[in-house]
Amino acid sequence: MPFADKSVDIITLENASNRRATISEIARVIKPGGDIRLVGPATPEILAAHQQIAEAVGGRVFQTIIKVRSDVDEVVYTNIIVPARK
C-alpha cells in the first residue's frame, strides 16, 4: 500500500489474494487505535485469516453475521471489525 507507516485510520478490505503480504501491510500502515473492517464469506478459511490479522495488530475479532438471500442459494457473510492496538 502506498502509505507511510502507522498513517491510516481505517482499513476496509473484502478480499486479498496474498494473505501474508496483506497482513504485513495492514499491520504496517494502520495507526494505533485505528479500525480494520474485514468483510467476506463466513468460511473457516476466511475467519482464520481475519483472526491472523487481529493477532498481527494486537486486536480482537468482533463478528456480525448477515444472511443474504440470492437467486441461487442463501449465503452467510461475516463483517468483522478488528480494533488495532492503541
Foldseek 3Di string as FASTA:
>chain_A
DPAQFQADQEAEEEDDDDLVVVLVVCLGHHHAQHKYKYKYFPDPVVVVSVVSSLVSQVWDWDWDWDWDDDPVGITIMIIIMTGGHD
